[in-house]
C-alpha atoms as a PDB file:
ATOM      1  CA  UNK A   1      -8.805   1.615 -22.869  1.00  0.00           C
ATOM      2  CA  UNK A   2      -9.850   4.499 -24.167  1.00  0.00           C
ATOM      3  CA  UNK A   3      -7.381   7.414 -24.373  1.00  0.00           C
ATOM      4  CA  UNK A   4      -9.400   9.946 -23.066  1.00  0.00           C
ATOM      5  CA  UNK A   5      -9.685   7.418 -19.438  1.00  0.00           C
ATOM      6  CA  UNK A   6      -5.757   8.040 -19.087  1.00  0.00           C
ATOM      7  CA  UNK A   7      -6.300   9.594 -15.706  1.00  0.00           C
ATOM      8  CA  UNK A   8      -2.505   9.507 -15.097  1.00  0.00           C
ATOM      9  CA  UNK A   9      -1.099  10.319 -19.084  1.00  0.00           C
ATOM     10  CA  UNK A  10       2.294  11.774 -18.259  1.00  0.00           C
ATOM     11  CA  UNK A  11       2.463  10.758 -14.378  1.00  0.00           C
ATOM     12  CA  UNK A  12       4.987   9.041 -12.813  1.00  0.00           C
ATOM     13  CA  UNK A  13       4.549   6.632 -10.129  1.00  0.00           C
ATOM     14  CA  UNK A  14       6.723   4.581  -6.993  1.00  0.00           C
ATOM     15  CA  UNK A  15       4.463   1.258  -5.990  1.00  0.00           C
ATOM     16  CA  UNK A  16       5.988  -0.784  -3.183  1.00  0.00           C
ATOM     17  CA  UNK A  17       4.964  -4.037  -1.901  1.00  0.00           C
ATOM     18  CA  UNK A  18       4.593  -4.179  -5.729  1.00  0.00           C
ATOM     19  CA  UNK A  19       5.182  -7.604  -6.186  1.00  0.00           C
ATOM     20  CA  UNK A  20       1.754  -8.919  -4.742  1.00  0.00           C
ATOM     21  CA  UNK A  21      -1.658  -8.280  -3.681  1.00  0.00           C
ATOM     22  CA  UNK A  22      -2.734  -4.595  -2.975  1.00  0.00           C
ATOM     23  CA  UNK A  23       0.660  -3.593  -4.381  1.00  0.00           C
ATOM     24  CA  UNK A  24       0.564  -5.327  -7.341  1.00  0.00           C
ATOM     25  CA  UNK A  25      -3.117  -4.256  -8.364  1.00  0.00           C
ATOM     26  CA  UNK A  26      -2.308  -1.062  -7.796  1.00  0.00           C
ATOM     27  CA  UNK A  27       0.586  -0.977  -9.992  1.00  0.00           C
ATOM     28  CA  UNK A  28      -1.296  -2.802 -12.980  1.00  0.00           C
ATOM     29  CA  UNK A  29      -4.258  -0.171 -12.542  1.00  0.00           C
ATOM     30  CA  UNK A  30      -1.956   3.190 -13.216  1.00  0.00           C
ATOM     31  CA  UNK A  31      -0.246   1.884 -15.703  1.00  0.00           C
ATOM     32  CA  UNK A  32      -3.752   0.878 -17.662  1.00  0.00           C
ATOM     33  CA  UNK A  33      -4.771   4.793 -17.309  1.00  0.00           C
ATOM     34  CA  UNK A  34      -1.720   5.706 -18.376  1.00  0.00           C
ATOM     35  CA  UNK A  35       1.180   6.314 -15.767  1.00  0.00           C
ATOM     36  CA  UNK A  36       4.643   5.426 -15.509  1.00  0.00           C
ATOM     37  CA  UNK A  37       5.047   2.890 -12.878  1.00  0.00           C
ATOM     38  CA  UNK A  38       7.645   1.773 -10.957  1.00  0.00           C
ATOM     39  CA  UNK A  39       6.735  -1.451  -8.992  1.00  0.00           C
ATOM     40  CA  UNK A  40       9.337  -1.682  -6.161  1.00  0.00           C
ATOM     41  CA  UNK A  41      10.166  -4.366  -3.812  1.00  0.00           C
ATOM     42  CA  UNK A  42      12.341  -6.284  -2.069  1.00  0.00           C
ATOM     43  CA  UNK A  43      11.262  -9.005  -3.916  1.00  0.00           C
ATOM     44  CA  UNK A  44      12.607  -7.576  -7.034  1.00  0.00           C
ATOM     45  CA  UNK A  45      11.613 -11.110  -8.903  1.00  0.00           C
ATOM     46  CA  UNK A  46       7.999 -10.942  -7.997  1.00  0.00           C
ATOM     47  CA  UNK A  47       8.498  -7.020  -8.995  1.00  0.00           C
ATOM     48  CA  UNK A  48       9.648  -8.209 -12.337  1.00  0.00           C
ATOM     49  CA  UNK A  49       6.706 -10.012 -12.957  1.00  0.00           C
ATOM     50  CA  UNK A  50       4.126  -7.111 -11.831  1.00  0.00           C
ATOM     51  CA  UNK A  51       6.642  -5.145 -14.750  1.00  0.00           C
ATOM     52  CA  UNK A  52       5.619  -7.809 -17.221  1.00  0.00           C
ATOM     53  CA  UNK A  53       2.134  -7.955 -16.715  1.00  0.00           C
ATOM     54  CA  UNK A  54       2.079  -3.951 -17.360  1.00  0.00           C
ATOM     55  CA  UNK A  55       4.504  -4.343 -20.439  1.00  0.00           C
ATOM     56  CA  UNK A  56       2.519  -6.846 -21.973  1.00  0.00           C
ATOM     57  CA  UNK A  57      -0.795  -4.874 -21.460  1.00  0.00           C
ATOM     58  CA  UNK A  58       1.451  -2.049 -23.543  1.00  0.00           C
ATOM     59  CA  UNK A  59       1.996  -0.117 -20.059  1.00  0.00           C
ATOM     60  CA  UNK A  60       5.018   1.706 -19.127  1.00  0.00           C
ATOM     61  CA  UNK A  61       6.924   0.061 -16.462  1.00  0.00           C
ATOM     62  CA  UNK A  62      10.498   0.011 -14.198  1.00  0.00           C
ATOM     63  CA  UNK A  63      11.593  -2.589 -11.797  1.00  0.00           C
ATOM     64  CA  UNK A  64      13.318  -1.085  -8.535  1.00  0.00           C
ATOM     65  CA  UNK A  65      14.660  -3.474  -6.214  1.00  0.00           C
ATOM     66  CA  UNK A  66      13.929  -2.087  -2.510  1.00  0.00           C
ATOM     67  CA  UNK A  67      14.092  -2.756   1.228  1.00  0.00           C
ATOM     68  CA  UNK A  68      11.597  -0.333   2.466  1.00  0.00           C
ATOM     69  CA  UNK A  69      13.250  -0.418   5.556  1.00  0.00           C
ATOM     70  CA  UNK A  70      16.598   1.225   4.520  1.00  0.00           C
ATOM     71  CA  UNK A  71      16.820   4.585   4.147  1.00  0.00           C
ATOM     72  CA  UNK A  72      19.976   4.469   1.589  1.00  0.00           C
ATOM     73  CA  UNK A  73      17.650   2.457  -0.677  1.00  0.00           C
ATOM     74  CA  UNK A  74      15.290   5.105  -0.682  1.00  0.00           C
ATOM     75  CA  UNK A  75      17.433   7.487  -1.379  1.00  0.00           C
ATOM     76  CA  UNK A  76      18.808   5.768  -4.217  1.00  0.00           C
ATOM     77  CA  UNK A  77      15.294   4.577  -5.714  1.00  0.00           C
ATOM     78  CA  UNK A  78      14.304   8.329  -5.377  1.00  0.00           C
ATOM     79  CA  UNK A  79      17.324  10.027  -6.749  1.00  0.00           C
ATOM     80  CA  UNK A  80      16.831   6.886  -9.933  1.00  0.00           C
ATOM     81  CA  UNK A  81      13.404   7.634 -10.892  1.00  0.00           C
ATOM     82  CA  UNK A  82      13.919  11.949 -11.030  1.00  0.00           C
ATOM     83  CA  UNK A  83      17.055  10.889 -13.157  1.00  0.00           C
ATOM     84  CA  UNK A  84      14.912   8.219 -14.881  1.00  0.00           C
ATOM     85  CA  UNK A  85      11.539  10.234 -15.732  1.00  0.00           C
ATOM     86  CA  UNK A  86      12.781  13.479 -14.220  1.00  0.00           C
ATOM     87  CA  UNK A  87       9.523  14.215 -11.803  1.00  0.00           C
ATOM     88  CA  UNK A  88       7.439  11.803  -9.176  1.00  0.00           C
ATOM     89  CA  UNK A  89       3.698  12.485  -8.767  1.00  0.00           C
ATOM     90  CA  UNK A  90       2.610   9.875  -7.063  1.00  0.00           C
ATOM     91  CA  UNK A  91       3.920   7.598  -3.784  1.00  0.00           C
ATOM     92  CA  UNK A  92       1.599   4.492  -2.813  1.00  0.00           C
ATOM     93  CA  UNK A  93       3.226   2.783   0.444  1.00  0.00           C
ATOM     94  CA  UNK A  94       1.624  -0.632   0.032  1.00  0.00           C
ATOM     95  CA  UNK A  95       4.768  -2.779   1.502  1.00  0.00           C
ATOM     96  CA  UNK A  96       3.622  -4.720   4.788  1.00  0.00           C
ATOM     97  CA  UNK A  97       4.037  -7.310   6.650  1.00  0.00           C
ATOM     98  CA  UNK A  98       1.453  -8.913   9.055  1.00  0.00           C
ATOM     99  CA  UNK A  99       1.920 -11.119  12.636  1.00  0.00           C
ATOM    100  CA  UNK A 100      -0.306 -12.757  15.277  1.00  0.00           C
ATOM    101  CA  UNK A 101       0.666 -13.629  18.606  1.00  0.00           C
ATOM    102  CA  UNK A 102      -0.181 -13.305  22.293  1.00  0.00           C
ATOM    103  CA  UNK A 103       1.267  -9.868  23.701  1.00  0.00           C
ATOM    104  CA  UNK A 104       2.927 -12.173  26.323  1.00  0.00           C
ATOM    105  CA  UNK A 105       4.140 -14.378  23.808  1.00  0.00           C
ATOM    106  CA  UNK A 106       5.708 -11.945  21.563  1.00  0.00           C
ATOM    107  CA  UNK A 107       9.260 -11.503  20.913  1.00  0.00           C
ATOM    108  CA  UNK A 108      10.598  -7.778  20.794  1.00  0.00           C
ATOM    109  CA  UNK A 109      12.049  -9.264  17.324  1.00  0.00           C
ATOM    110  CA  UNK A 110       9.127  -9.300  15.916  1.00  0.00           C
ATOM    111  CA  UNK A 111       7.504  -6.303  17.453  1.00  0.00           C
ATOM    112  CA  UNK A 112      10.125  -4.485  15.515  1.00  0.00           C
ATOM    113  CA  UNK A 113       9.924  -6.030  12.298  1.00  0.00           C
ATOM    114  CA  UNK A 114       6.331  -5.390  11.957  1.00  0.00           C
ATOM    115  CA  UNK A 115       7.086  -1.904  12.704  1.00  0.00           C
ATOM    116  CA  UNK A 116      10.124  -1.635  10.852  1.00  0.00           C
ATOM    117  CA  UNK A 117       8.149  -2.728   7.587  1.00  0.00           C
ATOM    118  CA  UNK A 118       4.844  -1.134   7.969  1.00  0.00           C
ATOM    119  CA  UNK A 119       5.502   2.094  10.053  1.00  0.00           C
ATOM    120  CA  UNK A 120       9.444   3.040   9.533  1.00  0.00           C
ATOM    121  CA  UNK A 121       9.013   2.355   5.751  1.00  0.00           C
ATOM    122  CA  UNK A 122       6.387   5.119   5.386  1.00  0.00           C
ATOM    123  CA  UNK A 123       8.123   7.583   6.961  1.00  0.00           C
ATOM    124  CA  UNK A 124      11.534   6.889   4.903  1.00  0.00           C
ATOM    125  CA  UNK A 125       9.109   6.981   1.787  1.00  0.00           C
ATOM    126  CA  UNK A 126       7.171  10.039   2.579  1.00  0.00           C
ATOM    127  CA  UNK A 127      10.390  12.239   4.295  1.00  0.00           C
ATOM    128  CA  UNK A 128      12.317  11.411   0.779  1.00  0.00           C
ATOM    129  CA  UNK A 129       9.385  11.583  -1.871  1.00  0.00           C
ATOM    130  CA  UNK A 130       8.260  15.133  -0.140  1.00  0.00           C
ATOM    131  CA  UNK A 131      11.501  16.315  -0.970  1.00  0.00           C
ATOM    132  CA  UNK A 132      11.024  15.339  -4.375  1.00  0.00           C
ATOM    133  CA  UNK A 133       7.224  16.632  -4.826  1.00  0.00           C
ATOM    134  CA  UNK A 134       8.276  20.063  -2.823  1.00  0.00           C
ATOM    135  CA  UNK A 135       8.255  21.697  -5.946  1.00  0.00           C
ATOM    136  CA  UNK A 136       5.822  20.125  -8.556  1.00  0.00           C
ATOM    137  CA  UNK A 137       3.526  19.017  -6.331  1.00  0.00           C
ATOM    138  CA  UNK A 138       2.120  14.754  -5.957  1.00  0.00           C
ATOM    139  CA  UNK A 139       0.105  12.495  -3.659  1.00  0.00           C
ATOM    140  CA  UNK A 140       0.977  10.033  -1.330  1.00  0.00           C
ATOM    141  CA  UNK A 141      -1.729   7.091  -0.342  1.00  0.00           C
ATOM    142  CA  UNK A 142      -0.546   4.572   2.598  1.00  0.00           C
ATOM    143  CA  UNK A 143      -2.335   1.708   2.830  1.00  0.00           C
ATOM    144  CA  UNK A 144      -3.280   1.376   6.667  1.00  0.00           C
ATOM    145  CA  UNK A 145      -6.059  -1.118   7.990  1.00  0.00           C
ATOM    146  CA  UNK A 146     -10.118  -1.430   9.335  1.00  0.00           C
ATOM    147  CA  UNK A 147      -7.461  -3.660  12.243  1.00  0.00           C
ATOM    148  CA  UNK A 148      -6.001  -0.385  13.065  1.00  0.00           C
ATOM    149  CA  UNK A 149      -9.421   1.206  14.040  1.00  0.00           C
ATOM    150  CA  UNK A 150     -11.357  -1.444  15.551  1.00  0.00           C
ATOM    151  CA  UNK A 151      -8.817  -4.128  18.038  1.00  0.00           C
ATOM    152  CA  UNK A 152      -8.618  -7.547  16.863  1.00  0.00           C
ATOM    153  CA  UNK A 153      -6.775 -10.210  20.128  1.00  0.00           C
ATOM    154  CA  UNK A 154      -3.715 -11.398  19.189  1.00  0.00           C
ATOM    155  CA  UNK A 155      -2.623  -8.477  16.394  1.00  0.00           C
ATOM    156  CA  UNK A 156      -1.607  -6.355  18.649  1.00  0.00           C
ATOM    157  CA  UNK A 157       1.569  -5.690  16.329  1.00  0.00           C
ATOM    158  CA  UNK A 158      -0.519  -4.977  13.503  1.00  0.00           C
ATOM    159  CA  UNK A 159      -3.441  -3.253  14.508  1.00  0.00           C
ATOM    160  CA  UNK A 160      -0.893  -0.737  16.491  1.00  0.00           C
ATOM    161  CA  UNK A 161       1.312  -0.066  13.537  1.00  0.00           C
ATOM    162  CA  UNK A 162      -1.747   0.027  10.844  1.00  0.00           C
ATOM    163  CA  UNK A 163      -3.218   3.264  13.741  1.00  0.00           C
ATOM    164  CA  UNK A 164       0.686   4.794  13.298  1.00  0.00           C
ATOM    165  CA  UNK A 165       0.184   4.963   9.727  1.00  0.00           C
ATOM    166  CA  UNK A 166      -3.546   6.723  10.059  1.00  0.00           C
ATOM    167  CA  UNK A 167      -2.183   8.986  12.456  1.00  0.00           C
ATOM    168  CA  UNK A 168       1.119   9.814  10.697  1.00  0.00           C
ATOM    169  CA  UNK A 169      -1.286  10.379   7.593  1.00  0.00           C
ATOM    170  CA  UNK A 170      -2.933  12.898   9.028  1.00  0.00           C
ATOM    171  CA  UNK A 171      -0.404  14.617  10.432  1.00  0.00           C
ATOM    172  CA  UNK A 172       1.596  14.740   7.462  1.00  0.00           C
ATOM    173  CA  UNK A 173      -1.080  16.254   5.620  1.00  0.00           C
ATOM    174  CA  UNK A 174      -1.781  18.599   8.149  1.00  0.00           C
ATOM    175  CA  UNK A 175       2.253  19.908   7.696  1.00  0.00           C
ATOM    176  CA  UNK A 176       1.957  19.907   4.284  1.00  0.00           C
ATOM    177  CA  UNK A 177      -0.756  22.575   3.983  1.00  0.00           C
ATOM    178  CA  UNK A 178       0.786  24.546   6.566  1.00  0.00           C
ATOM    179  CA  UNK A 179       3.912  24.902   4.572  1.00  0.00           C
ATOM    180  CA  UNK A 180       1.742  25.380   1.580  1.00  0.00           C
ATOM    181  CA  UNK A 181       3.470  22.403  -0.249  1.00  0.00           C
ATOM    182  CA  UNK A 182       1.207  21.323  -3.190  1.00  0.00           C
ATOM    183  CA  UNK A 183       1.289  17.508  -1.945  1.00  0.00           C
ATOM    184  CA  UNK A 184      -2.234  15.168  -0.968  1.00  0.00           C
ATOM    185  CA  UNK A 185      -1.586  12.883   1.880  1.00  0.00           C
ATOM    186  CA  UNK A 186      -4.227   9.980   2.380  1.00  0.00           C
ATOM    187  CA  UNK A 187      -4.482   6.116   3.881  1.00  0.00           C
ATOM    188  CA  UNK A 188      -6.758   3.772   2.701  1.00  0.00           C
ATOM    189  CA  UNK A 189      -7.897   1.593   5.811  1.00  0.00           C
ATOM    190  CA  UNK A 190      -8.898  -2.164   4.225  1.00  0.00           C
ATOM    191  CA  UNK A 191     -10.678  -5.093   5.731  1.00  0.00           C
ATOM    192  CA  UNK A 192     -10.019  -8.616   5.246  1.00  0.00           C
ATOM    193  CA  UNK A 193      -8.293  -8.533   1.466  1.00  0.00           C
ATOM    194  CA  UNK A 194      -7.211 -11.701  -0.795  1.00  0.00           C
ATOM    195  CA  UNK A 195      -3.554 -11.381  -0.506  1.00  0.00           C
ATOM    196  CA  UNK A 196      -0.735 -13.536  -0.349  1.00  0.00           C
ATOM    197  CA  UNK A 197       0.296 -12.151   3.127  1.00  0.00           C
ATOM    198  CA  UNK A 198      -2.055 -14.261   4.987  1.00  0.00           C
ATOM    199  CA  UNK A 199       0.313 -17.691   3.701  1.00  0.00           C
ATOM    200  CA  UNK A 200       2.823 -16.048   6.093  1.00  0.00           C
ATOM    201  CA  UNK A 201       0.294 -16.568   8.599  1.00  0.00           C
ATOM    202  CA  UNK A 202       0.394 -20.041  10.665  1.00  0.00           C
ATOM    203  CA  UNK A 203      -3.517 -20.367  11.868  1.00  0.00           C
ATOM    204  CA  UNK A 204      -4.074 -19.311   8.177  1.00  0.00           C
ATOM    205  CA  UNK A 205      -2.132 -22.341   6.971  1.00  0.00           C
ATOM    206  CA  UNK A 206      -4.223 -24.580   9.300  1.00  0.00           C
ATOM    207  CA  UNK A 207      -7.714 -22.917   8.098  1.00  0.00           C
ATOM    208  CA  UNK A 208      -6.615 -23.768   4.527  1.00  0.00           C
ATOM    209  CA  UNK A 209      -5.642 -27.442   5.763  1.00  0.00           C
ATOM    210  CA  UNK A 210      -9.340 -27.846   7.944  1.00  0.00           C
ATOM    211  CA  UNK A 211     -11.078 -26.341   4.754  1.00  0.00           C
ATOM    212  CA  UNK A 212      -9.417 -27.867   1.766  1.00  0.00           C
ATOM    213  CA  UNK A 213      -8.204 -24.583  -0.100  1.00  0.00           C
ATOM    214  CA  UNK A 214      -7.514 -20.828   0.258  1.00  0.00           C
ATOM    215  CA  UNK A 215     -10.372 -19.679  -1.081  1.00  0.00           C
ATOM    216  CA  UNK A 216     -12.401 -21.958   1.467  1.00  0.00           C
ATOM    217  CA  UNK A 217     -10.232 -20.539   4.071  1.00  0.00           C
ATOM    218  CA  UNK A 218     -11.042 -17.008   3.124  1.00  0.00           C
ATOM    219  CA  UNK A 219     -14.767 -18.006   3.190  1.00  0.00           C
ATOM    220  CA  UNK A 220     -14.666 -18.718   6.783  1.00  0.00           C
ATOM    221  CA  UNK A 221     -12.586 -16.010   8.200  1.00  0.00           C
ATOM    222  CA  UNK A 222     -15.116 -13.907   6.601  1.00  0.00           C
ATOM    223  CA  UNK A 223     -18.173 -15.712   7.680  1.00  0.00           C
ATOM    224  CA  UNK A 224     -18.857 -13.470  10.702  1.00  0.00           C
ATOM    225  CA  UNK A 225     -18.090  -9.981   8.062  1.00  0.00           C
ATOM    226  CA  UNK A 226     -20.973  -8.312   7.080  1.00  0.00           C
ATOM    227  CA  UNK A 227     -21.018  -9.264   3.083  1.00  0.00           C
ATOM    228  CA  UNK A 228     -19.292 -12.609   4.302  1.00  0.00           C
ATOM    229  CA  UNK A 229     -16.469 -11.841   1.856  1.00  0.00           C
ATOM    230  CA  UNK A 230     -13.076 -10.467   1.474  1.00  0.00           C
ATOM    231  CA  UNK A 231     -12.354  -7.824  -0.731  1.00  0.00           C
ATOM    232  CA  UNK A 232      -9.959  -8.305  -4.389  1.00  0.00           C
ATOM    233  CA  UNK A 233      -6.795  -6.323  -3.979  1.00  0.00           C
ATOM    234  CA  UNK A 234      -8.414  -4.752  -7.345  1.00  0.00           C
ATOM    235  CA  UNK A 235     -11.549  -3.299  -5.238  1.00  0.00           C
ATOM    236  CA  UNK A 236      -9.005  -1.608  -2.860  1.00  0.00           C
ATOM    237  CA  UNK A 237      -6.533  -0.113  -5.952  1.00  0.00           C
ATOM    238  CA  UNK A 238      -9.483   1.448  -7.412  1.00  0.00           C
ATOM    239  CA  UNK A 239     -10.122   3.206  -4.305  1.00  0.00           C
ATOM    240  CA  UNK A 240      -6.124   4.145  -4.097  1.00  0.00           C
ATOM    241  CA  UNK A 241      -6.248   5.654  -7.904  1.00  0.00           C
ATOM    242  CA  UNK A 242      -9.130   7.760  -6.770  1.00  0.00           C
ATOM    243  CA  UNK A 243      -7.158   9.271  -4.017  1.00  0.00           C
ATOM    244  CA  UNK A 244      -4.337   9.917  -6.240  1.00  0.00           C
ATOM    245  CA  UNK A 245      -6.463  11.674  -8.856  1.00  0.00           C
ATOM    246  CA  UNK A 246      -7.310  14.891  -9.309  1.00  0.00           C
ATOM    247  CA  UNK A 247     -10.314  13.879  -8.924  1.00  0.00           C
ATOM    248  CA  UNK A 248     -10.195  14.018  -5.223  1.00  0.00           C
ATOM    249  CA  UNK A 249      -7.964  17.568  -5.584  1.00  0.00           C
ATOM    250  CA  UNK A 250      -9.110  18.222  -2.386  1.00  0.00           C
ATOM    251  CA  UNK A 251      -8.937  15.736  -0.273  1.00  0.00           C
ATOM    252  CA  UNK A 252      -6.098  15.418   1.991  1.00  0.00           C
ATOM    253  CA  UNK A 253      -5.736  13.655   5.411  1.00  0.00           C
ATOM    254  CA  UNK A 254      -8.431  11.309   5.396  1.00  0.00           C
ATOM    255  CA  UNK A 255      -8.282   7.378   6.024  1.00  0.00           C
ATOM    256  CA  UNK A 256     -10.706   5.876   3.595  1.00  0.00           C
ATOM    257  CA  UNK A 257     -11.777   2.896   5.198  1.00  0.00           C
ATOM    258  CA  UNK A 258     -12.733  -0.038   2.614  1.00  0.00           C
ATOM    259  CA  UNK A 259     -14.498  -2.834   4.893  1.00  0.00           C
ATOM    260  CA  UNK A 260     -17.748  -3.655   4.269  1.00  0.00           C
ATOM    261  CA  UNK A 261     -19.115  -1.924   7.771  1.00  0.00           C
ATOM    262  CA  UNK A 262     -16.477  -4.179   9.265  1.00  0.00           C
ATOM    263  CA  UNK A 263     -15.552  -1.247  12.161  1.00  0.00           C
ATOM    264  CA  UNK A 264     -19.005   0.166  12.726  1.00  0.00           C
END
């Protein structure tokens, strides 16, 4: 890449969920544009694979073994980043889980697990990163979902958790502005994206068995969507990079919907 295209030169970024999917794509693109990227994930081996790809492409990378639901691990991770790199400019909260079941058949433990990973983690990461960014400023981008805007039967835990992410983003953006903090916080809300998360869903595995491949299963799922396809993780990552960049300096408290008209 041309050095003049290095939008994130001298920036330090933490990306959660960096082992795969949107998090991995975002980490790779940030590094390609000059950022030092900390690939954070509870799946340490997966985070190391992403970091290896960054390193192989000539980027600057580190890995963080991070359970995003643990406040103690968040505190330790941020201390490590600051001691190693001196500052932190970008946080991308991409870690998440999905779960589908009718409300009447859902265990409380499953509901709480979805909220712990999808909501508590964003609260914890934002809380501790705000403290690190108070003087120097920075940008936080949360991964929400179009499912938090348009309801889907069977997805009550996932949809409700992602709706909470959207509201949390707006509230914290307003807090930062009222406190005069030079920190922007936004969210992206994708519809269907081809990521490994789908493999954890029993109904998706049934579709794979029925249609013969994951690609065919994705096509079947996307049959009713406006564009008849799911997004690639890189498409969402490009939107995240825009919101994190100086080009979006006037944008805060926005939930950018990336859905090819799904919620219309």
